[in-house]
Amino acid sequence: MAEKTGSDWRADLLERVRGAILAVDPDIVEEIKWRKPSNPDGVPVWSHNGMICTGETYRDKVKLTFANGASLDDPEKLFNSSLDGGTRRAIDFHESDAVDKGALKNLVRGAIDLNASKAKR
């Protein structure tokens, strides 16, 4: 279950990830969706010609879930969660994990390119 982000490592990490994602392309849109009593802050969703990824905070991690992650090249092996699914892939960041911003930006670029190719069909 997602938890409210506070002034803790999860909020700080999500903010660093947000900055890396938004730096990839000025046309990326961030929306907050799925607000509910158990998660009043909602879930940030980043899109560009379709969903790129979502960011959720949990007690022990920050999870970035790429909507079409199974179709993306991941040479740096950032995906470490939801690996058995046919569509989505996720990255679980724990408190001591570093964020490889370059590799993350490459995944976001790949997701944008994939969305653009689907939009042209």
PDB file of N, CA and C in Angstrom:
ATOM      1  N   MET A   1       0.840  -1.175   0.000  1.00  0.00           N
ATOM      2  CA  MET A   1       0.000   0.000   0.000  1.00  0.00           C
ATOM      3  C   MET A   1       0.887   1.241   0.000  1.00  0.00           C
ATOM      4  N   ALA A   2       0.586   2.173  -0.839  1.00  0.00           N
ATOM      5  CA  ALA A   2       1.373   3.397  -0.924  1.00  0.00           C
ATOM      6  C   ALA A   2       1.167   4.225   0.336  1.00  0.00           C
ATOM      7  N   GLU A   3       2.214   4.917   0.740  1.00  0.00           N
ATOM      8  CA  GLU A   3       2.141   5.778   1.909  1.00  0.00           C
ATOM      9  C   GLU A   3       2.375   7.215   1.509  1.00  0.00           C
ATOM     10  N   LYS A   4       1.856   8.108   2.310  1.00  0.00           N
ATOM     11  CA  LYS A   4       2.047   9.534   2.079  1.00  0.00           C
ATOM     12  C   LYS A   4       3.529   9.862   2.138  1.00  0.00           C
ATOM     13  N   THR A   5       3.976  10.659   1.175  1.00  0.00           N
ATOM     14  CA  THR A   5       5.370  11.072   1.202  1.00  0.00           C
ATOM     15  C   THR A   5       5.517  12.178   2.220  1.00  0.00           C
ATOM     16  N   GLY A   6       6.478  12.063   3.059  1.00  0.00           N
ATOM     17  CA  GLY A   6       6.754  13.095   4.050  1.00  0.00           C
ATOM     18  C   GLY A   6       8.128  13.650   3.797  1.00  0.00           C
ATOM     19  N   SER A   7       8.641  14.327   4.788  1.00  0.00           N
ATOM     20  CA  SER A   7       9.993  14.856   4.657  1.00  0.00           C
ATOM     21  C   SER A   7      10.952  13.752   5.077  1.00  0.00           C
ATOM     22  N   ASP A   8      11.105  12.768   4.240  1.00  0.00           N
ATOM     23  CA  ASP A   8      11.992  11.654   4.539  1.00  0.00           C
ATOM     24  C   ASP A   8      12.729  11.240   3.273  1.00  0.00           C
ATOM     25  N   TRP A   9      13.482  10.175   3.357  1.00  0.00           N
ATOM     26  CA  TRP A   9      14.307   9.748   2.233  1.00  0.00           C
ATOM     27  C   TRP A   9      13.466   9.424   1.009  1.00  0.00           C
ATOM     28  N   ARG A  10      12.247   8.908   1.195  1.00  0.00           N
ATOM     29  CA  ARG A  10      11.410   8.552   0.053  1.00  0.00           C
ATOM     30  C   ARG A  10      10.989   9.790  -0.738  1.00  0.00           C
ATOM     31  N   ALA A  11      10.586  10.815  -0.027  1.00  0.00           N
ATOM     32  CA  ALA A  11      10.196  12.064  -0.698  1.00  0.00           C
ATOM     33  C   ALA A  11      11.388  12.679  -1.420  1.00  0.00           C
ATOM     34  N   ASP A  12      12.546  12.641  -0.775  1.00  0.00           N
ATOM     35  CA  ASP A  12      13.757  13.184  -1.400  1.00  0.00           C
ATOM     36  C   ASP A  12      14.139  12.392  -2.651  1.00  0.00           C
ATOM     37  N   LEU A  13      14.069  11.061  -2.553  1.00  0.00           N
ATOM     38  CA  LEU A  13      14.414  10.228  -3.699  1.00  0.00           C
ATOM     39  C   LEU A  13      13.411  10.431  -4.834  1.00  0.00           C
ATOM     40  N   LEU A  14      12.126  10.482  -4.508  1.00  0.00           N
ATOM     41  CA  LEU A  14      11.117  10.710  -5.541  1.00  0.00           C
ATOM     42  C   LEU A  14      11.335  12.059  -6.219  1.00  0.00           C
ATOM     43  N   GLU A  15      11.742  13.054  -5.465  1.00  0.00           N
ATOM     44  CA  GLU A  15      12.007  14.369  -6.050  1.00  0.00           C
ATOM     45  C   GLU A  15      13.209  14.313  -7.001  1.00  0.00           C
ATOM     46  N   ARG A  16      14.252  13.576  -6.662  1.00  0.00           N
ATOM     47  CA  ARG A  16      15.411  13.423  -7.556  1.00  0.00           C
ATOM     48  C   ARG A  16      15.019  12.697  -8.837  1.00  0.00           C
ATOM     49  N   VAL A  17      14.217  11.648  -8.693  1.00  0.00           N
ATOM     50  CA  VAL A  17      13.752  10.895  -9.853  1.00  0.00           C
ATOM     51  C   VAL A  17      12.874  11.792 -10.728  1.00  0.00           C
ATOM     52  N   ARG A  18      11.971  12.538 -10.111  1.00  0.00           N
ATOM     53  CA  ARG A  18      11.088  13.459 -10.840  1.00  0.00           C
ATOM     54  C   ARG A  18      11.927  14.430 -11.668  1.00  0.00           C
ATOM     55  N   GLY A  19      12.951  14.997 -11.070  1.00  0.00           N
ATOM     56  CA  GLY A  19      13.810  15.938 -11.786  1.00  0.00           C
ATOM     57  C   GLY A  19      14.471  15.309 -12.994  1.00  0.00           C
ATOM     58  N   ALA A  20      14.946  14.078 -12.834  1.00  0.00           N
ATOM     59  CA  ALA A  20      15.596  13.383 -13.957  1.00  0.00           C
ATOM     60  C   ALA A  20      14.590  13.121 -15.071  1.00  0.00           C
ATOM     61  N   ILE A  21      13.395  12.681 -14.712  1.00  0.00           N
ATOM     62  CA  ILE A  21      12.380  12.383 -15.723  1.00  0.00           C
ATOM     63  C   ILE A  21      12.001  13.645 -16.493  1.00  0.00           C
ATOM     64  N   LEU A  22      11.695  14.711 -15.766  1.00  0.00           N
ATOM     65  CA  LEU A  22      11.245  15.946 -16.414  1.00  0.00           C
ATOM     66  C   LEU A  22      12.343  16.610 -17.243  1.00  0.00           C
ATOM     67  N   ALA A  23      13.608  16.321 -16.927  1.00  0.00           N
ATOM     68  CA  ALA A  23      14.724  16.909 -17.673  1.00  0.00           C
ATOM     69  C   ALA A  23      14.893  16.292 -19.061  1.00  0.00           C
ATOM     70  N   VAL A  24      14.283  15.146 -19.302  1.00  0.00           N
ATOM     71  CA  VAL A  24      14.468  14.435 -20.572  1.00  0.00           C
ATOM     72  C   VAL A  24      13.837  15.190 -21.735  1.00  0.00           C
ATOM     73  N   ASP A  25      12.633  15.719 -21.526  1.00  0.00           N
ATOM     74  CA  ASP A  25      11.912  16.355 -22.633  1.00  0.00           C
ATOM     75  C   ASP A  25      10.948  17.393 -22.059  1.00  0.00           C
ATOM     76  N   PRO A  26      10.926  18.602 -22.627  1.00  0.00           N
ATOM     77  CA  PRO A  26      10.039  19.641 -22.083  1.00  0.00           C
ATOM     78  C   PRO A  26       8.556  19.339 -22.279  1.00  0.00           C
ATOM     79  N   ASP A  27       8.216  18.370 -23.120  1.00  0.00           N
ATOM     80  CA  ASP A  27       6.811  18.037 -23.365  1.00  0.00           C
ATOM     81  C   ASP A  27       6.277  16.934 -22.453  1.00  0.00           C
ATOM     82  N   ILE A  28       7.083  16.469 -21.526  1.00  0.00           N
ATOM     83  CA  ILE A  28       6.597  15.484 -20.556  1.00  0.00           C
ATOM     84  C   ILE A  28       5.598  16.184 -19.640  1.00  0.00           C
ATOM     85  N   VAL A  29       4.475  15.522 -19.416  1.00  0.00           N
ATOM     86  CA  VAL A  29       3.426  16.045 -18.551  1.00  0.00           C
ATOM     87  C   VAL A  29       3.401  15.211 -17.277  1.00  0.00           C
ATOM     88  N   GLU A  30       3.345  15.897 -16.137  1.00  0.00           N
ATOM     89  CA  GLU A  30       3.194  15.211 -14.860  1.00  0.00           C
ATOM     90  C   GLU A  30       1.803  15.516 -14.313  1.00  0.00           C
ATOM     91  N   GLU A  31       1.084  14.474 -13.952  1.00  0.00           N
ATOM     92  CA  GLU A  31      -0.231  14.606 -13.335  1.00  0.00           C
ATOM     93  C   GLU A  31      -0.232  13.796 -12.041  1.00  0.00           C
ATOM     94  N   ILE A  32      -1.068  14.196 -11.113  1.00  0.00           N
ATOM     95  CA  ILE A  32      -1.255  13.418  -9.895  1.00  0.00           C
ATOM     96  C   ILE A  32      -2.600  12.717 -10.023  1.00  0.00           C
ATOM     97  N   LYS A  33      -2.576  11.398  -9.919  1.00  0.00           N
ATOM     98  CA  LYS A  33      -3.794  10.598 -10.075  1.00  0.00           C
ATOM     99  C   LYS A  33      -3.981   9.708  -8.853  1.00  0.00           C
ATOM    100  N   TRP A  34      -5.147   9.115  -8.789  1.00  0.00           N
ATOM    101  CA  TRP A  34      -5.477   8.091  -7.807  1.00  0.00           C
ATOM    102  C   TRP A  34      -5.320   8.559  -6.358  1.00  0.00           C
ATOM    103  N   ARG A  35      -5.812   9.767  -6.076  1.00  0.00           N
ATOM    104  CA  ARG A  35      -5.854  10.236  -4.676  1.00  0.00           C
ATOM    105  C   ARG A  35      -6.952   9.464  -3.946  1.00  0.00           C
ATOM    106  N   LYS A  36      -6.666   9.082  -2.714  1.00  0.00           N
ATOM    107  CA  LYS A  36      -7.644   8.395  -1.874  1.00  0.00           C
ATOM    108  C   LYS A  36      -7.257   8.597  -0.418  1.00  0.00           C
ATOM    109  N   PRO A  37      -8.138   8.287   0.517  1.00  0.00           N
ATOM    110  CA  PRO A  37      -7.813   8.539   1.930  1.00  0.00           C
ATOM    111  C   PRO A  37      -6.512   7.894   2.392  1.00  0.00           C
ATOM    112  N   SER A  38      -6.215   6.718   1.904  1.00  0.00           N
ATOM    113  CA  SER A  38      -4.978   6.049   2.324  1.00  0.00           C
ATOM    114  C   SER A  38      -3.743   6.608   1.610  1.00  0.00           C
ATOM    115  N   ASN A  39      -3.955   7.409   0.556  1.00  0.00           N
ATOM    116  CA  ASN A  39      -2.846   8.018  -0.186  1.00  0.00           C
ATOM    117  C   ASN A  39      -3.295   9.393  -0.691  1.00  0.00           C
ATOM    118  N   PRO A  40      -3.445  10.357   0.237  1.00  0.00           N
ATOM    119  CA  PRO A  40      -3.987  11.667  -0.148  1.00  0.00           C
ATOM    120  C   PRO A  40      -3.102  12.443  -1.116  1.00  0.00           C
ATOM    121  N   ASP A  41      -1.821  12.126  -1.174  1.00  0.00           N
ATOM    122  CA  ASP A  41      -0.925  12.800  -2.121  1.00  0.00           C
ATOM    123  C   ASP A  41      -1.093  12.279  -3.538  1.00  0.00           C
ATOM    124  N   GLY A  42      -1.716  11.119  -3.688  1.00  0.00           N
ATOM    125  CA  GLY A  42      -1.893  10.526  -5.006  1.00  0.00           C
ATOM    126  C   GLY A  42      -0.590   9.976  -5.565  1.00  0.00           C
ATOM    127  N   VAL A  43      -0.631   9.649  -6.837  1.00  0.00           N
ATOM    128  CA  VAL A  43       0.496   9.023  -7.523  1.00  0.00           C
ATOM    129  C   VAL A  43       0.900   9.892  -8.701  1.00  0.00           C
ATOM    130  N   PRO A  44       2.168  10.322  -8.755  1.00  0.00           N
ATOM    131  CA  PRO A  44       2.596  11.063  -9.940  1.00  0.00           C
ATOM    132  C   PRO A  44       2.667  10.131 -11.151  1.00  0.00           C
ATOM    133  N   VAL A  45       2.146  10.642 -12.266  1.00  0.00           N
ATOM    134  CA  VAL A  45       2.132   9.900 -13.526  1.00  0.00           C
ATOM    135  C   VAL A  45       2.768  10.799 -14.573  1.00  0.00           C
ATOM    136  N   TRP A  46       3.793  10.290 -15.248  1.00  0.00           N
ATOM    137  CA  TRP A  46       4.482  11.064 -16.284  1.00  0.00           C
ATOM    138  C   TRP A  46       4.099  10.504 -17.644  1.00  0.00           C
ATOM    139  N   SER A  47       3.729  11.419 -18.561  1.00  0.00           N
ATOM    140  CA  SER A  47       3.268  11.014 -19.889  1.00  0.00           C
ATOM    141  C   SER A  47       3.877  11.875 -20.978  1.00  0.00           C
ATOM    142  N   HIS A  48       3.946  11.293 -22.154  1.00  0.00           N
ATOM    143  CA  HIS A  48       4.335  11.992 -23.382  1.00  0.00           C
ATOM    144  C   HIS A  48       3.851  11.112 -24.522  1.00  0.00           C
ATOM    145  N   ASN A  49       2.766  11.493 -25.175  1.00  0.00           N
ATOM    146  CA  ASN A  49       2.109  10.650 -26.196  1.00  0.00           C
ATOM    147  C   ASN A  49       1.688   9.310 -25.617  1.00  0.00           C
ATOM    148  N   GLY A  50       1.358   9.289 -24.358  1.00  0.00           N
ATOM    149  CA  GLY A  50       0.999   8.069 -23.637  1.00  0.00           C
ATOM    150  C   GLY A  50       1.786   8.006 -22.337  1.00  0.00           C
ATOM    151  N   MET A  51       1.391   7.104 -21.471  1.00  0.00           N
ATOM    152  CA  MET A  51       2.041   7.000 -20.172  1.00  0.00           C
ATOM    153  C   MET A  51       3.482   6.509 -20.306  1.00  0.00           C
ATOM    154  N   ILE A  52       4.366   7.182 -19.564  1.00  0.00           N
ATOM    155  CA  ILE A  52       5.764   6.747 -19.463  1.00  0.00           C
ATOM    156  C   ILE A  52       5.897   5.863 -18.225  1.00  0.00           C
ATOM    157  N   CYS A  53       5.635   6.472 -17.046  1.00  0.00           N
ATOM    158  CA  CYS A  53       5.780   5.724 -15.812  1.00  0.00           C
ATOM    159  C   CYS A  53       5.023   6.405 -14.676  1.00  0.00           C
ATOM    160  N   THR A  54       4.899   5.669 -13.585  1.00  0.00           N
ATOM    161  CA  THR A  54       4.311   6.182 -12.357  1.00  0.00           C
ATOM    162  C   THR A  54       5.359   6.103 -11.258  1.00  0.00           C
ATOM    163  N   GLY A  55       5.177   6.897 -10.217  1.00  0.00           N
ATOM    164  CA  GLY A  55       6.081   6.871  -9.069  1.00  0.00           C
ATOM    165  C   GLY A  55       5.291   6.717  -7.785  1.00  0.00           C
ATOM    166  N   GLU A  56       5.571   5.680  -7.033  1.00  0.00           N
ATOM    167  CA  GLU A  56       4.851   5.444  -5.786  1.00  0.00           C
ATOM    168  C   GLU A  56       5.830   5.267  -4.640  1.00  0.00           C
ATOM    169  N   THR A  57       5.425   5.730  -3.474  1.00  0.00           N
ATOM    170  CA  THR A  57       6.244   5.528  -2.282  1.00  0.00           C
ATOM    171  C   THR A  57       5.592   4.489  -1.392  1.00  0.00           C
ATOM    172  N   TYR A  58       6.408   3.622  -0.864  1.00  0.00           N
ATOM    173  CA  TYR A  58       5.991   2.591   0.067  1.00  0.00           C
ATOM    174  C   TYR A  58       6.856   2.733   1.314  1.00  0.00           C
ATOM    175  N   ARG A  59       6.525   1.988   2.326  1.00  0.00           N
ATOM    176  CA  ARG A  59       7.266   2.075   3.591  1.00  0.00           C
ATOM    177  C   ARG A  59       8.768   1.891   3.370  1.00  0.00           C
ATOM    178  N   ASP A  60       9.133   0.939   2.505  1.00  0.00           N
ATOM    179  CA  ASP A  60      10.539   0.568   2.368  1.00  0.00           C
ATOM    180  C   ASP A  60      11.142   0.859   1.000  1.00  0.00           C
ATOM    181  N   LYS A  61      10.383   1.544   0.118  1.00  0.00           N
ATOM    182  CA  LYS A  61      10.923   1.767  -1.225  1.00  0.00           C
ATOM    183  C   LYS A  61      10.155   2.855  -1.953  1.00  0.00           C
ATOM    184  N   VAL A  62      10.771   3.294  -3.043  1.00  0.00           N
ATOM    185  CA  VAL A  62      10.113   4.118  -4.055  1.00  0.00           C
ATOM    186  C   VAL A  62      10.084   3.270  -5.309  1.00  0.00           C
ATOM    187  N   LYS A  63       8.899   3.133  -5.904  1.00  0.00           N
ATOM    188  CA  LYS A  63       8.730   2.263  -7.072  1.00  0.00           C
ATOM    189  C   LYS A  63       8.370   3.098  -8.289  1.00  0.00           C
ATOM    190  N   LEU A  64       9.180   2.976  -9.341  1.00  0.00           N
ATOM    191  CA  LEU A  64       8.862   3.553 -10.646  1.00  0.00           C
ATOM    192  C   LEU A  64       8.392   2.418 -11.530  1.00  0.00           C
ATOM    193  N   THR A  65       7.161   2.511 -12.019  1.00  0.00           N
ATOM    194  CA  THR A  65       6.617   1.474 -12.879  1.00  0.00           C
ATOM    195  C   THR A  65       6.449   2.038 -14.278  1.00  0.00           C
ATOM    196  N   PHE A  66       7.134   1.435 -15.234  1.00  0.00           N
ATOM    197  CA  PHE A  66       7.065   1.848 -16.636  1.00  0.00           C
ATOM    198  C   PHE A  66       5.951   1.061 -17.312  1.00  0.00           C
ATOM    199  N   ALA A  67       4.992   1.785 -17.877  1.00  0.00           N
ATOM    200  CA  ALA A  67       3.788   1.177 -18.445  1.00  0.00           C
ATOM    201  C   ALA A  67       4.113   0.131 -19.503  1.00  0.00           C
ATOM    202  N   ASN A  68       5.110   0.391 -20.318  1.00  0.00           N
ATOM    203  CA  ASN A  68       5.500  -0.544 -21.386  1.00  0.00           C
ATOM    204  C   ASN A  68       6.961  -0.963 -21.224  1.00  0.00           C
ATOM    205  N   GLY A  69       7.366  -1.138 -19.987  1.00  0.00           N
ATOM    206  CA  GLY A  69       8.759  -1.439 -19.690  1.00  0.00           C
ATOM    207  C   GLY A  69       9.293  -2.706 -20.334  1.00  0.00           C
ATOM    208  N   ALA A  70       8.427  -3.705 -20.538  1.00  0.00           N
ATOM    209  CA  ALA A  70       8.886  -4.958 -21.148  1.00  0.00           C
ATOM    210  C   ALA A  70       9.345  -4.752 -22.587  1.00  0.00           C
ATOM    211  N   SER A  71       8.927  -3.644 -23.204  1.00  0.00           N
ATOM    212  CA  SER A  71       9.310  -3.356 -24.590  1.00  0.00           C
ATOM    213  C   SER A  71      10.514  -2.431 -24.689  1.00  0.00           C
ATOM    214  N   LEU A  72      11.082  -2.050 -23.549  1.00  0.00           N
ATOM    215  CA  LEU A  72      12.208  -1.105 -23.550  1.00  0.00           C
ATOM    216  C   LEU A  72      13.535  -1.821 -23.376  1.00  0.00           C
ATOM    217  N   ASP A  73      14.558  -1.302 -24.048  1.00  0.00           N
ATOM    218  CA  ASP A  73      15.917  -1.783 -23.817  1.00  0.00           C
ATOM    219  C   ASP A  73      16.369  -1.279 -22.460  1.00  0.00           C
ATOM    220  N   ASP A  74      16.990  -2.135 -21.687  1.00  0.00           N
ATOM    221  CA  ASP A  74      17.482  -1.787 -20.356  1.00  0.00           C
ATOM    222  C   ASP A  74      18.905  -2.311 -20.184  1.00  0.00           C
ATOM    223  N   PRO A  75      19.856  -1.758 -20.964  1.00  0.00           N
ATOM    224  CA  PRO A  75      21.215  -2.292 -20.900  1.00  0.00           C
ATOM    225  C   PRO A  75      21.883  -2.123 -19.534  1.00  0.00           C
ATOM    226  N   GLU A  76      21.438  -1.147 -18.760  1.00  0.00           N
ATOM    227  CA  GLU A  76      22.031  -0.932 -17.429  1.00  0.00           C
ATOM    228  C   GLU A  76      21.351  -1.766 -16.350  1.00  0.00           C
ATOM    229  N   LYS A  77      20.332  -2.541 -16.754  1.00  0.00           N
ATOM    230  CA  LYS A  77      19.610  -3.436 -15.832  1.00  0.00           C
ATOM    231  C   LYS A  77      19.010  -2.685 -14.639  1.00  0.00           C
ATOM    232  N   LEU A  78      18.345  -1.554 -14.922  1.00  0.00           N
ATOM    233  CA  LEU A  78      17.664  -0.818 -13.859  1.00  0.00           C
ATOM    234  C   LEU A  78      16.413  -1.547 -13.377  1.00  0.00           C
ATOM    235  N   PHE A  79      15.695  -2.196 -14.299  1.00  0.00           N
ATOM    236  CA  PHE A  79      14.483  -2.894 -13.899  1.00  0.00           C
ATOM    237  C   PHE A  79      14.835  -4.032 -12.953  1.00  0.00           C
ATOM    238  N   ASN A  80      14.210  -4.026 -11.776  1.00  0.00           N
ATOM    239  CA  ASN A  80      14.479  -5.058 -10.784  1.00  0.00           C
ATOM    240  C   ASN A  80      13.195  -5.579 -10.137  1.00  0.00           C
ATOM    241  N   SER A  81      12.040  -5.227 -10.727  1.00  0.00           N
ATOM    242  CA  SER A  81      10.760  -5.630 -10.175  1.00  0.00           C
ATOM    243  C   SER A  81       9.760  -5.805 -11.316  1.00  0.00           C
ATOM    244  N   SER A  82       8.758  -6.630 -11.097  1.00  0.00           N
ATOM    245  CA  SER A  82       7.732  -6.919 -12.110  1.00  0.00           C
ATOM    246  C   SER A  82       8.358  -7.458 -13.394  1.00  0.00           C
ATOM    247  N   LEU A  83       9.394  -8.255 -13.245  1.00  0.00           N
ATOM    248  CA  LEU A  83      10.141  -8.746 -14.399  1.00  0.00           C
ATOM    249  C   LEU A  83       9.423  -9.865 -15.153  1.00  0.00           C
ATOM    250  N   ASP A  84       8.440 -10.500 -14.531  1.00  0.00           N
ATOM    251  CA  ASP A  84       7.739 -11.606 -15.172  1.00  0.00           C
ATOM    252  C   ASP A  84       6.534 -11.151 -15.984  1.00  0.00           C
ATOM    253  N   GLY A  85       6.153  -9.896 -15.843  1.00  0.00           N
ATOM    254  CA  GLY A  85       4.986  -9.395 -16.564  1.00  0.00           C
ATOM    255  C   GLY A  85       5.280  -9.214 -18.042  1.00  0.00           C
ATOM    256  N   GLY A  86       4.242  -9.288 -18.831  1.00  0.00           N
ATOM    257  CA  GLY A  86       4.409  -9.163 -20.271  1.00  0.00           C
ATOM    258  C   GLY A  86       4.436  -7.730 -20.763  1.00  0.00           C
ATOM    259  N   THR A  87       4.073  -6.771 -19.911  1.00  0.00           N
ATOM    260  CA  THR A  87       3.986  -5.382 -20.350  1.00  0.00           C
ATOM    261  C   THR A  87       4.803  -4.453 -19.467  1.00  0.00           C
ATOM    262  N   ARG A  88       4.492  -4.413 -18.192  1.00  0.00           N
ATOM    263  CA  ARG A  88       5.131  -3.460 -17.284  1.00  0.00           C
ATOM    264  C   ARG A  88       6.464  -3.981 -16.759  1.00  0.00           C
ATOM    265  N   ARG A  89       7.306  -3.041 -16.351  1.00  0.00           N
ATOM    266  CA  ARG A  89       8.529  -3.325 -15.606  1.00  0.00           C
ATOM    267  C   ARG A  89       8.681  -2.208 -14.582  1.00  0.00           C
ATOM    268  N   ALA A  90       9.332  -2.506 -13.479  1.00  0.00           N
ATOM    269  CA  ALA A  90       9.479  -1.506 -12.426  1.00  0.00           C
ATOM    270  C   ALA A  90      10.900  -1.466 -11.890  1.00  0.00           C
ATOM    271  N   ILE A  91      11.200  -0.346 -11.269  1.00  0.00           N
ATOM    272  CA  ILE A  91      12.459  -0.162 -10.558  1.00  0.00           C
ATOM    273  C   ILE A  91      12.100   0.128  -9.111  1.00  0.00           C
ATOM    274  N   ASP A  92      12.562  -0.701  -8.196  1.00  0.00           N
ATOM    275  CA  ASP A  92      12.396  -0.455  -6.770  1.00  0.00           C
ATOM    276  C   ASP A  92      13.676   0.176  -6.247  1.00  0.00           C
ATOM    277  N   PHE A  93      13.547   1.376  -5.716  1.00  0.00           N
ATOM    278  CA  PHE A  93      14.667   2.069  -5.089  1.00  0.00           C
ATOM    279  C   PHE A  93      14.501   1.966  -3.581  1.00  0.00           C
ATOM    280  N   HIS A  94      15.556   1.520  -2.904  1.00  0.00           N
ATOM    281  CA  HIS A  94      15.556   1.456  -1.448  1.00  0.00           C
ATOM    282  C   HIS A  94      16.419   2.591  -0.905  1.00  0.00           C
ATOM    283  N   GLU A  95      16.359   2.788   0.379  1.00  0.00           N
ATOM    284  CA  GLU A  95      16.961   3.967   0.998  1.00  0.00           C
ATOM    285  C   GLU A  95      18.422   4.182   0.624  1.00  0.00           C
ATOM    286  N   SER A  96      19.197   3.145   0.558  1.00  0.00           N
ATOM    287  CA  SER A  96      20.635   3.302   0.304  1.00  0.00           C
ATOM    288  C   SER A  96      20.997   3.262  -1.186  1.00  0.00           C
ATOM    289  N   ASP A  97      20.000   3.097  -2.054  1.00  0.00           N
ATOM    290  CA  ASP A  97      20.268   2.975  -3.489  1.00  0.00           C
ATOM    291  C   ASP A  97      20.606   4.324  -4.125  1.00  0.00           C
ATOM    292  N   ALA A  98      21.566   4.291  -5.016  1.00  0.00           N
ATOM    293  CA  ALA A  98      21.879   5.471  -5.827  1.00  0.00           C
ATOM    294  C   ALA A  98      20.954   5.478  -7.033  1.00  0.00           C
ATOM    295  N   VAL A  99      20.716   6.658  -7.579  1.00  0.00           N
ATOM    296  CA  VAL A  99      19.910   6.794  -8.792  1.00  0.00           C
ATOM    297  C   VAL A  99      20.861   7.061  -9.951  1.00  0.00           C
ATOM    298  N   ASP A 100      20.923   6.140 -10.900  1.00  0.00           N
ATOM    299  CA  ASP A 100      21.720   6.331 -12.107  1.00  0.00           C
ATOM    300  C   ASP A 100      20.881   7.181 -13.058  1.00  0.00           C
ATOM    301  N   LYS A 101      21.045   8.496 -12.946  1.00  0.00           N
ATOM    302  CA  LYS A 101      20.198   9.413 -13.710  1.00  0.00           C
ATOM    303  C   LYS A 101      20.373   9.243 -15.212  1.00  0.00           C
ATOM    304  N   GLY A 102      21.573   8.950 -15.661  1.00  0.00           N
ATOM    305  CA  GLY A 102      21.803   8.749 -17.090  1.00  0.00           C
ATOM    306  C   GLY A 102      21.033   7.559 -17.622  1.00  0.00           C
ATOM    307  N   ALA A 103      21.102   6.434 -16.917  1.00  0.00           N
ATOM    308  CA  ALA A 103      20.386   5.232 -17.341  1.00  0.00           C
ATOM    309  C   ALA A 103      18.878   5.437 -17.229  1.00  0.00           C
ATOM    310  N   LEU A 104      18.432   6.132 -16.180  1.00  0.00           N
ATOM    311  CA  LEU A 104      17.005   6.414 -16.030  1.00  0.00           C
ATOM    312  C   LEU A 104      16.511   7.299 -17.174  1.00  0.00           C
ATOM    313  N   LYS A 105      17.280   8.303 -17.521  1.00  0.00           N
ATOM    314  CA  LYS A 105      16.899   9.178 -18.634  1.00  0.00           C
ATOM    315  C   LYS A 105      16.825   8.387 -19.946  1.00  0.00           C
ATOM    316  N   ASN A 106      17.725   7.437 -20.129  1.00  0.00           N
ATOM    317  CA  ASN A 106      17.676   6.605 -21.336  1.00  0.00           C
ATOM    318  C   ASN A 106      16.397   5.773 -21.390  1.00  0.00           C
ATOM    319  N   LEU A 107      15.955   5.238 -20.247  1.00  0.00           N
ATOM    320  CA  LEU A 107      14.701   4.497 -20.215  1.00  0.00           C
ATOM    321  C   LEU A 107      13.525   5.410 -20.557  1.00  0.00           C
ATOM    322  N   VAL A 108      13.531   6.612 -20.000  1.00  0.00           N
ATOM    323  CA  VAL A 108      12.448   7.562 -20.273  1.00  0.00           C
ATOM    324  C   VAL A 108      12.434   7.931 -21.756  1.00  0.00           C
ATOM    325  N   ARG A 109      13.615   8.187 -22.334  1.00  0.00           N
ATOM    326  CA  ARG A 109      13.692   8.480 -23.779  1.00  0.00           C
ATOM    327  C   ARG A 109      13.143   7.317 -24.598  1.00  0.00           C
ATOM    328  N   GLY A 110      13.499   6.101 -24.190  1.00  0.00           N
ATOM    329  CA  GLY A 110      12.997   4.918 -24.880  1.00  0.00           C
ATOM    330  C   GLY A 110      11.485   4.820 -24.796  1.00  0.00           C
ATOM    331  N   ALA A 111      10.922   5.136 -23.634  1.00  0.00           N
ATOM    332  CA  ALA A 111       9.468   5.093 -23.466  1.00  0.00           C
ATOM    333  C   ALA A 111       8.792   6.160 -24.333  1.00  0.00           C
ATOM    334  N   ILE A 112       9.386   7.339 -24.410  1.00  0.00           N
ATOM    335  CA  ILE A 112       8.841   8.401 -25.264  1.00  0.00           C
ATOM    336  C   ILE A 112       8.868   7.959 -26.724  1.00  0.00           C
ATOM    337  N   ASP A 113       9.987   7.391 -27.159  1.00  0.00           N
ATOM    338  CA  ASP A 113      10.101   6.926 -28.543  1.00  0.00           C
ATOM    339  C   ASP A 113       9.089   5.816 -28.830  1.00  0.00           C
ATOM    340  N   LEU A 114       8.907   4.908 -27.885  1.00  0.00           N
ATOM    341  CA  LEU A 114       7.932   3.832 -28.061  1.00  0.00           C
ATOM    342  C   LEU A 114       6.516   4.401 -28.182  1.00  0.00           C
ATOM    343  N   ASN A 115       6.183   5.333 -27.301  1.00  0.00           N
ATOM    344  CA  ASN A 115       4.860   5.965 -27.368  1.00  0.00           C
ATOM    345  C   ASN A 115       4.656   6.673 -28.700  1.00  0.00           C
ATOM    346  N   ALA A 116       5.688   7.347 -29.188  1.00  0.00           N
ATOM    347  CA  ALA A 116       5.584   8.066 -30.468  1.00  0.00           C
ATOM    348  C   ALA A 116       5.363   7.083 -31.608  1.00  0.00           C
ATOM    349  N   SER A 117       6.052   5.938 -31.555  1.00  0.00           N
ATOM    350  CA  SER A 117       5.884   4.955 -32.640  1.00  0.00           C
ATOM    351  C   SER A 117       4.479   4.365 -32.613  1.00  0.00           C
ATOM    352  N   LYS A 118       3.902   4.192 -31.447  1.00  0.00           N
ATOM    353  CA  LYS A 118       2.531   3.680 -31.343  1.00  0.00           C
ATOM    354  C   LYS A 118       1.535   4.719 -31.829  1.00  0.00           C
ATOM    355  N   ALA A 119       1.817   6.002 -31.564  1.00  0.00           N
ATOM    356  CA  ALA A 119       0.900   7.072 -31.952  1.00  0.00           C
ATOM    357  C   ALA A 119       0.824   7.225 -33.476  1.00  0.00           C
ATOM    358  N   LYS A 120       1.898   6.833 -34.174  1.00  0.00           N
ATOM    359  CA  LYS A 120       1.940   6.979 -35.638  1.00  0.00           C
ATOM    360  C   LYS A 120       1.180   5.867 -36.349  1.00  0.00           C
ATOM    361  N   ARG A 121       0.836   4.819 -35.648  1.00  0.00           N
ATOM    362  CA  ARG A 121       0.155   3.664 -36.279  1.00  0.00           C
ATOM    363  C   ARG A 121      -1.268   3.985 -36.634  1.00  0.00           C
TER     364      ARG A 121
END
